[in-house]
Protein backbone atom coordinates (compact mmCIF):
# COMPACT_ATOMS: atom_id res chain seq x y z
CA MET A 1 95.39 251.66 -11.16
CA ALA A 2 98.12 253.35 -13.31
CA LEU A 3 97.54 256.71 -15.61
CA LEU A 4 99.66 257.64 -18.22
CA ASP A 5 99.53 261.41 -19.74
CA CYS A 6 100.31 262.25 -23.04
CA GLU A 7 100.48 266.17 -23.62
CA PHE A 8 100.51 267.18 -27.41
CA THR A 9 100.08 270.38 -30.00
CA GLY A 10 99.75 270.86 -33.53
CA VAL A 11 97.91 272.06 -36.52
CA PRO A 12 95.97 270.42 -37.69
CA LYS A 13 94.93 268.57 -34.41
CA PRO A 14 97.16 265.48 -34.57
CA LYS A 15 95.71 261.75 -34.03
CA ILE A 16 97.02 259.78 -30.91
CA ASP A 17 97.90 256.49 -31.03
CA TRP A 18 99.61 254.51 -28.18
CA GLN A 19 101.38 251.27 -28.16
CA HIS A 20 102.91 248.91 -25.35
CA LEU A 21 106.26 246.52 -25.64
CA LYS A 22 105.30 244.20 -23.39
CA PRO A 23 107.84 242.60 -20.95
CA ASP A 24 107.45 238.81 -22.89
CA GLY A 25 108.51 241.39 -26.25
CA HIS A 26 105.32 241.63 -27.85
CA LEU A 27 104.50 245.33 -29.34
CA VAL A 28 100.49 245.97 -29.02
CA THR A 29 98.59 248.88 -30.24
CA LEU A 30 96.14 250.13 -27.45
CA THR A 31 92.67 251.33 -27.94
CA GLU A 32 91.20 250.33 -24.86
CA GLY A 33 91.25 252.72 -21.67
CA VAL A 34 92.37 255.78 -23.71
CA ILE A 35 90.82 259.23 -23.36
CA THR A 36 91.99 261.76 -25.72
CA ALA A 37 90.01 265.12 -25.21
CA ASP A 38 91.58 268.81 -26.02
CA ASN A 39 95.61 268.54 -26.00
CA SER A 40 95.95 265.70 -23.46
CA SER A 41 95.72 261.72 -24.19
CA ILE A 42 95.07 259.94 -20.75
CA LEU A 43 95.85 256.02 -20.67
CA THR A 44 94.40 254.12 -17.81
CA VAL A 45 95.88 250.78 -16.85
CA ASN A 46 93.49 249.09 -14.45
CA ASN A 47 94.69 246.67 -11.70
CA PRO A 48 98.06 246.29 -13.29
CA THR A 49 99.75 243.17 -13.56
CA PHE A 50 103.67 242.31 -14.38
CA LEU A 51 102.13 241.76 -18.02
CA ASP A 52 101.33 245.81 -17.91
CA SER A 53 104.76 246.69 -17.37
CA GLY A 54 106.96 248.01 -20.20
CA LEU A 55 107.51 250.72 -22.53
CA TYR A 56 104.68 252.84 -23.54
CA THR A 57 104.84 255.36 -26.54
CA CYS A 58 102.55 257.79 -27.51
CA ILE A 59 102.67 258.94 -30.94
CA ALA A 60 101.11 262.31 -32.38
CA THR A 61 100.40 262.09 -36.06
CA ASN A 62 98.80 264.68 -38.81
CA ARG A 63 99.33 265.02 -42.20
CA TYR A 64 102.72 266.89 -42.09
CA GLU A 65 104.59 264.90 -39.28
CA SER A 66 104.51 262.51 -36.68
CA GLN A 67 106.33 262.74 -33.15
CA SER A 68 106.47 260.44 -30.51
CA THR A 69 106.95 260.43 -26.40
CA THR A 70 107.71 257.05 -24.35
CA GLY A 71 107.39 256.39 -20.58
CA VAL A 72 108.16 252.99 -18.78
CA LEU A 73 105.79 251.38 -16.30
CA ASN A 74 107.25 249.22 -13.50
CA VAL A 75 104.98 246.80 -11.91
CA THR A 76 105.86 244.61 -8.84
CA ALA A 77 103.97 241.84 -8.75
CA PRO A 78 103.63 237.83 -8.12
CA PRO A 79 105.59 235.73 -10.72
CA ILE A 80 103.52 234.71 -13.86
CA ILE A 81 104.43 231.40 -15.70
CA LEU A 82 104.13 232.40 -19.62
CA THR A 83 105.11 229.12 -20.47
CA PRO A 84 104.39 226.35 -18.30
CA PRO A 85 105.44 222.65 -18.85
CA LYS A 86 103.16 220.41 -21.13
CA ASN A 87 101.82 217.05 -21.06
CA GLN A 88 104.03 214.85 -23.03
CA SER A 89 104.41 211.42 -24.50
CA VAL A 90 107.81 210.38 -25.42
CA ILE A 91 109.91 207.50 -26.12
CA LYS A 92 112.17 205.72 -24.14
CA GLY A 93 116.01 206.73 -24.63
CA ILE A 94 115.59 210.55 -25.98
CA ASP A 95 116.78 213.48 -24.30
CA LEU A 96 114.23 215.94 -23.34
CA THR A 97 113.93 219.56 -21.79
CA LEU A 98 110.84 220.47 -19.81
CA HIS A 99 110.37 224.49 -19.80
CA CYS A 100 108.88 226.80 -17.43
CA ILE A 101 109.16 230.14 -18.49
CA VAL A 102 108.45 233.00 -15.94
CA ILE A 103 108.02 236.68 -15.77
CA SER A 104 108.19 238.87 -12.79
CA ASP A 105 109.44 242.18 -10.71
CA PRO A 106 111.19 241.46 -8.43
CA LEU A 107 112.93 238.23 -10.18
CA ALA A 108 111.41 234.93 -9.16
CA TYR A 109 113.31 231.78 -8.55
CA ILE A 110 112.06 228.32 -10.16
CA THR A 111 112.20 224.96 -7.98
CA TRP A 112 111.14 221.46 -9.48
CA VAL A 113 109.24 219.08 -7.71
CA PHE A 114 110.20 215.63 -9.77
CA PRO A 115 108.56 212.09 -9.45
CA ASP A 116 110.07 210.18 -6.70
CA VAL A 117 112.76 207.87 -6.96
CA SER A 118 113.63 206.25 -3.86
CA GLY A 119 113.49 209.50 -1.98
CA HIS A 120 115.25 211.58 -4.41
CA LYS A 121 115.21 212.97 -8.00
CA PRO A 122 115.64 211.17 -11.11
CA PHE A 123 119.63 210.82 -11.42
CA ASN A 124 119.19 211.52 -15.07
CA ALA A 125 117.50 215.10 -14.44
CA PHE A 126 119.49 218.40 -14.57
CA ASN A 127 118.46 221.67 -13.60
CA ASN A 128 119.08 224.22 -16.01
CA ASP A 129 120.22 228.07 -15.61
CA ASP A 130 117.10 229.42 -17.31
CA GLY A 131 114.82 227.44 -15.06
CA SER A 132 113.92 224.46 -17.33
CA VAL A 133 114.77 220.85 -17.07
CA THR A 134 116.75 218.32 -19.08
CA ILE A 135 116.17 214.69 -18.84
CA LYS A 136 118.97 212.85 -20.46
CA ASP A 137 118.23 209.42 -22.01
CA VAL A 138 114.41 209.21 -20.86
CA GLU A 139 113.84 205.69 -18.90
CA GLN A 140 110.77 204.57 -17.25
CA LEU A 141 111.53 205.69 -13.89
CA ASN A 142 111.35 209.32 -15.18
CA GLU A 143 107.43 208.67 -16.09
CA GLY A 144 105.08 210.96 -13.85
CA SER A 145 104.25 214.23 -12.46
CA TYR A 146 106.45 217.27 -13.02
CA THR A 147 105.62 220.77 -10.97
CA CYS A 148 107.74 224.14 -11.42
CA THR A 149 107.13 226.72 -8.70
CA ALA A 150 108.16 230.22 -9.43
CA THR A 151 108.53 232.22 -6.27
CA ASN A 152 109.35 236.16 -5.04
CA ARG A 153 108.29 238.38 -2.23
CA LEU A 154 104.96 239.13 -3.35
CA GLY A 155 103.70 235.37 -4.04
CA ARG A 156 104.49 232.05 -6.00
CA VAL A 157 102.65 230.04 -8.54
CA SER A 158 102.84 226.58 -9.92
CA ALA A 159 102.25 224.71 -13.17
CA SER A 160 102.64 220.61 -13.37
CA ALA A 161 102.53 218.46 -16.65
CA THR A 162 102.64 214.62 -16.68
CA LEU A 163 105.21 212.93 -18.76
CA THR A 164 104.74 209.42 -20.14
CA VAL A 165 107.45 207.17 -21.43
CA LEU A 166 106.97 204.83 -24.03
CA GLU A 167 108.67 201.81 -25.18
CA PRO A 168 110.13 202.30 -28.65
CA VAL A 169 109.33 200.36 -31.49
CA THR A 170 111.40 196.92 -32.19
CA ALA A 171 111.54 194.54 -35.18
CA THR A 172 113.31 191.27 -35.23
CA ILE A 173 113.11 188.13 -37.53
CA ALA A 174 114.17 185.11 -36.20
CA PHE A 175 115.14 183.33 -39.37
CA PRO A 176 116.48 186.02 -41.87
CA LEU A 177 118.68 183.81 -44.00
CA GLN A 178 116.75 181.72 -46.07
CA SER A 179 118.24 179.53 -48.85
CA LEU A 180 116.08 178.71 -52.11
CA THR A 181 117.93 175.14 -52.15
CA ASN A 182 115.53 172.55 -52.33
CA SER A 183 112.79 174.98 -50.83
CA ARG A 184 109.53 175.20 -51.87
CA PHE A 185 107.83 176.99 -49.11
CA VAL A 186 109.57 180.20 -47.12
CA ALA A 187 108.47 181.66 -43.51
CA LEU A 188 109.64 185.00 -42.61
CA ASP A 189 108.52 185.94 -39.01
CA CYS A 190 108.48 189.62 -38.26
CA ARG A 191 108.01 190.19 -34.37
CA ALA A 192 107.55 193.56 -33.34
CA SER A 193 106.92 195.38 -30.32
CA GLY A 194 106.59 199.23 -29.01
CA ASP A 195 103.85 201.34 -27.32
CA PRO A 196 101.38 201.80 -29.14
CA ILE A 197 101.24 198.33 -30.66
CA PRO A 198 103.09 199.37 -34.29
CA ALA A 199 101.59 198.27 -37.55
CA ILE A 200 103.90 195.96 -39.72
CA LYS A 201 104.66 196.13 -43.31
CA TRP A 202 106.71 193.96 -45.65
CA ASP A 203 108.53 195.69 -48.85
CA LYS A 204 111.22 194.07 -50.98
CA ILE A 205 114.15 196.48 -51.38
CA GLY A 206 115.02 197.38 -55.20
CA VAL A 207 111.37 196.09 -56.71
CA THR A 208 108.00 196.64 -55.84
CA LEU A 209 106.70 193.80 -53.77
CA ASP A 210 103.81 192.17 -55.69
CA ARG A 211 101.11 192.16 -53.23
CA THR A 212 98.51 190.68 -55.68
CA GLU A 213 100.34 187.38 -55.75
CA THR A 214 98.16 184.95 -54.37
CA ARG A 215 101.35 182.78 -53.19
CA TYR A 216 102.03 185.55 -50.72
CA ILE A 217 100.56 185.75 -47.56
CA PHE A 218 100.59 188.12 -44.87
CA LEU A 219 99.43 187.30 -41.81
CA GLN A 220 98.32 189.50 -39.44
CA ASN A 221 100.89 188.55 -36.63
CA GLY A 222 103.99 189.91 -38.84
CA ASP A 223 104.47 186.55 -40.89
CA PHE A 224 105.25 186.84 -44.50
CA ILE A 225 104.95 183.58 -46.13
CA ILE A 226 105.87 182.66 -49.54
CA SER A 227 104.31 179.19 -50.79
CA SER A 228 104.22 177.02 -53.72
CA ILE A 229 107.62 178.10 -54.81
CA THR A 230 108.63 176.30 -58.11
CA LYS A 231 111.76 176.66 -60.67
CA ASP A 232 109.52 179.14 -62.69
CA THR A 233 109.07 181.27 -59.70
CA GLU A 234 112.26 181.33 -57.25
CA GLU A 235 113.68 184.39 -58.82
CA LYS A 236 110.70 186.02 -58.63
CA ASP A 237 110.32 184.92 -54.97
CA SER A 238 114.40 185.61 -54.42
CA GLY A 239 115.26 188.80 -52.75
CA PHE A 240 116.16 191.48 -50.22
CA TYR A 241 113.39 191.62 -48.12
CA SER A 242 112.25 194.62 -45.21
CA CYS A 243 109.77 194.56 -42.18
CA THR A 244 109.07 197.89 -41.01
CA ALA A 245 106.87 198.04 -37.72
CA ASP A 246 105.59 201.82 -37.31
CA ASN A 247 103.13 203.29 -34.43
CA ASN A 248 103.60 207.20 -35.74
CA LEU A 249 105.63 207.73 -32.82
CA SER A 250 108.84 205.42 -33.62
CA ASN A 251 109.89 202.89 -36.06
CA ALA A 252 112.29 199.84 -36.66
CA THR A 253 113.04 197.64 -40.01
CA ALA A 254 114.48 194.54 -39.75
CA TYR A 255 115.93 192.48 -42.91
CA ALA A 256 115.58 189.13 -44.34
CA ILE A 257 116.91 187.69 -47.42
CA VAL A 258 115.34 184.88 -49.32
CA TYR A 259 118.34 184.04 -51.97
CA PHE A 260 120.12 181.17 -54.37
CA ASP A 261 122.67 179.71 -52.46
CA HIS A 262 125.86 179.04 -54.58
CA GLY A 263 128.24 177.76 -51.88
CA ASP A 264 131.91 178.24 -51.86
CA VAL A 265 133.64 180.39 -54.92
CA ASP A 266 137.04 181.32 -55.81
CA CYS A 267 138.49 184.84 -55.50
CA ASN A 268 137.97 184.97 -59.29
CA THR A 269 134.25 184.55 -59.63
CA THR A 270 132.34 187.28 -60.74
CA PHE A 271 128.73 188.47 -60.05
CA ASP A 272 127.56 187.66 -63.60
CA ASN A 273 128.33 184.15 -63.20
CA TRP A 274 124.86 183.68 -62.69
CA ASN A 275 122.55 185.38 -64.62
CA SER A 276 118.90 186.70 -63.06
CA GLY A 277 116.23 189.29 -62.98
CA ILE A 278 116.58 192.46 -60.99
CA GLY A 279 115.52 191.93 -57.53
CA ALA A 280 116.87 188.39 -57.29
CA ALA A 281 119.34 187.85 -54.49
CA HIS A 282 122.29 185.42 -54.29
CA GLY A 283 124.63 184.46 -51.31
CA VAL A 284 128.38 182.71 -51.88
CA VAL A 285 131.30 182.17 -49.14
CA CYS A 286 134.71 183.64 -50.14
CA PRO A 287 137.59 182.13 -49.08
CA GLN A 288 140.47 184.02 -47.42
CA GLY A 289 143.28 185.74 -48.89
CA CYS A 290 141.46 187.17 -52.17
CA LEU A 291 143.13 191.00 -51.33
CA ALA A 292 146.14 189.74 -53.51
CA MET A 293 144.45 188.85 -56.41
CA ASN A 294 142.39 189.98 -59.27
CA ASN A 295 141.68 193.59 -57.53
CA ASP A 296 142.25 195.66 -60.65
CA ASP A 297 138.83 194.81 -61.86
CA VAL A 298 136.21 196.30 -59.33
CA TYR A 299 133.82 198.62 -60.81
CA GLY A 300 131.84 200.77 -58.53
CA SER A 301 131.57 201.15 -54.90
CA ASN A 302 127.78 199.50 -54.37
CA PRO A 303 126.67 198.84 -56.56
CA TYR A 304 129.33 197.23 -58.16
CA SER A 305 129.12 195.89 -61.90
CA VAL A 306 128.22 192.49 -62.76
CA ASN A 307 131.60 191.75 -64.07
CA SER A 308 133.72 192.45 -60.88
CA PRO A 309 134.93 189.59 -58.61
CA ILE A 310 132.40 188.97 -56.06
CA CYS A 311 135.29 188.41 -53.11
CA SER A 312 137.31 191.54 -54.13
CA ALA A 313 133.86 193.85 -54.07
CA ALA A 314 133.21 191.90 -50.44
CA LEU A 315 136.39 193.14 -49.50
CA HIS A 316 136.02 196.48 -50.71
CA ASN A 317 132.52 197.01 -49.03
CA GLY A 318 133.70 195.90 -45.56
CA VAL A 319 131.37 192.41 -45.47
CA THR A 320 134.03 190.15 -45.71
CA ASP A 321 137.97 190.18 -44.07
CA ASN A 322 140.76 189.33 -45.78
CA ALA A 323 142.11 187.01 -43.23
CA LEU A 324 138.73 185.01 -42.99
CA GLY A 325 136.79 185.04 -46.10
CA GLY A 326 133.05 184.48 -45.54
CA LEU A 327 129.59 184.88 -46.54
CA VAL A 328 128.76 187.72 -48.94
CA LEU A 329 125.05 188.26 -50.17
CA TRP A 330 123.90 190.55 -52.97
CA TYR A 331 120.87 191.39 -55.20
CA VAL A 332 120.25 192.62 -58.50
CA VAL A 333 119.75 195.85 -59.25
CA ASP A 334 118.86 198.05 -62.45
CA GLY A 335 122.31 199.54 -63.61
CA ARG A 336 120.55 201.76 -65.73
CA SER A 337 119.87 204.51 -63.20
CA SER A 338 122.72 203.59 -60.73
CA ILE A 339 125.67 205.46 -60.02
CA PHE A 340 129.17 203.16 -60.11
CA SER A 341 131.63 205.37 -58.67
CA SER A 342 135.33 204.63 -57.90
CA SER A 343 136.42 204.69 -54.40
CA THR A 344 139.44 203.26 -52.01
CA SER A 345 138.19 201.36 -49.16
CA ASN A 346 140.41 198.52 -47.14
CA GLY A 347 143.02 198.18 -49.63
CA ILE A 348 141.30 197.91 -52.77
CA SER A 349 140.49 200.75 -55.34
CA SER A 350 137.53 200.66 -57.42
CA LEU A 351 137.05 202.07 -60.91
CA SER A 352 134.12 203.93 -62.14
CA SER A 353 131.74 203.09 -64.88
CA GLY A 354 128.94 204.73 -66.89
CA PRO A 355 125.48 203.07 -66.69
CA LEU A 356 125.00 199.28 -67.16
CA PHE A 357 122.14 197.16 -67.49
CA GLU A 358 122.44 195.38 -64.13
CA GLY A 359 124.68 196.09 -60.94
CA ALA A 360 125.27 194.08 -57.84
CA MET A 361 124.27 195.54 -54.74
CA ILE A 362 126.05 193.91 -51.90
CA VAL A 363 123.81 193.43 -48.69
CA GLU A 364 125.53 195.86 -46.04
CA ARG A 365 126.91 194.35 -42.85
CA ASP A 366 124.60 196.59 -40.60
CA SER A 367 121.67 194.85 -42.08
CA GLY A 368 122.17 192.27 -39.39
CA LEU A 369 122.31 189.17 -41.81
CA TYR A 370 125.99 188.57 -41.27
CA LYS A 371 127.10 186.49 -38.23
CA SER A 372 130.79 187.29 -36.95
CA GLU A 373 133.19 184.96 -38.52
CA THR A 374 135.53 183.03 -36.30
CA THR A 375 136.35 180.10 -38.98
CA LYS A 376 138.82 180.64 -41.91
CA VAL A 377 137.52 179.38 -45.54
CA PRO A 378 140.64 177.78 -47.56
CA VAL A 379 141.09 179.27 -51.05
CA ILE A 380 139.57 177.02 -54.11
CA GLY A 381 142.00 176.00 -56.80
């Protein structure tokens, strides 16, 4: 038991309040254990623990003024774990810190017991100075029970938590390039994995995917089928599609393009050589050496104006190489709400333009739709 006595005087007789600044930094007002009589107020702390240590303030207040006095209570005791490690389910590959926040007097030292990995702690687990543990690039071997133990000369205390490592979501499309040339049926297969099993959703970039179209079939295994393609429907059916797999813990997106394949073009061919509606997708093969030709007429920085030379815009964007040429994929966007900004990239300076009716959005290289080019495409004409 600890007794703290606060003596006071004053006319009129002051009201007494007690406050406690705890070791964890919280300031609390005390009402229990307080007996005030005559000119003395006594605070009784029964069976004190380390959490009862700290600064105590007695405040005397009447209608004229307020005065206070303070005292310090030091309690030596076994450690207390304020913040134990928590059970967690995390995605493989992240960095994670497990906390074990301890208070005690005398000071406690903290040790950890890890899941056993061939007789030693995991190679990617590191003890920090504050008693926490950081696991870098979490792997399956890190799964298991983690126990922190705080020890001083008066005792010890432990707390445990279980770490569950989940496989991140992945999404792949086996045949992401689908030409509409002589095609009346397109099957886009999206294969997703993850823990938990993710849900799959298909979208069309740049426009809303018409899910009411009866020719569009969405299968439970992730396949998206476009059936009964005709000359009247192929513009609507073409486009830049995304398959997103999501399980609320992680997500991944894969891309596919259903496009009009226009084959080889020359360095001067512009996007507006083919007229189509918003969302329609196209592809051409550019020759090598276009960097030296017709590069003063490129407008925008993706999207590009439709009167820009395709191959110059592709060089500016970085999806082709001047020494090799190669495949360029794009889809038509609404230029009325687009920004056609100027920039300098890969040796080409593009110009700016105000809003236009249409724009050409080149599919970026990080979409995964471009294979490494190893064969030079000769200049046409």
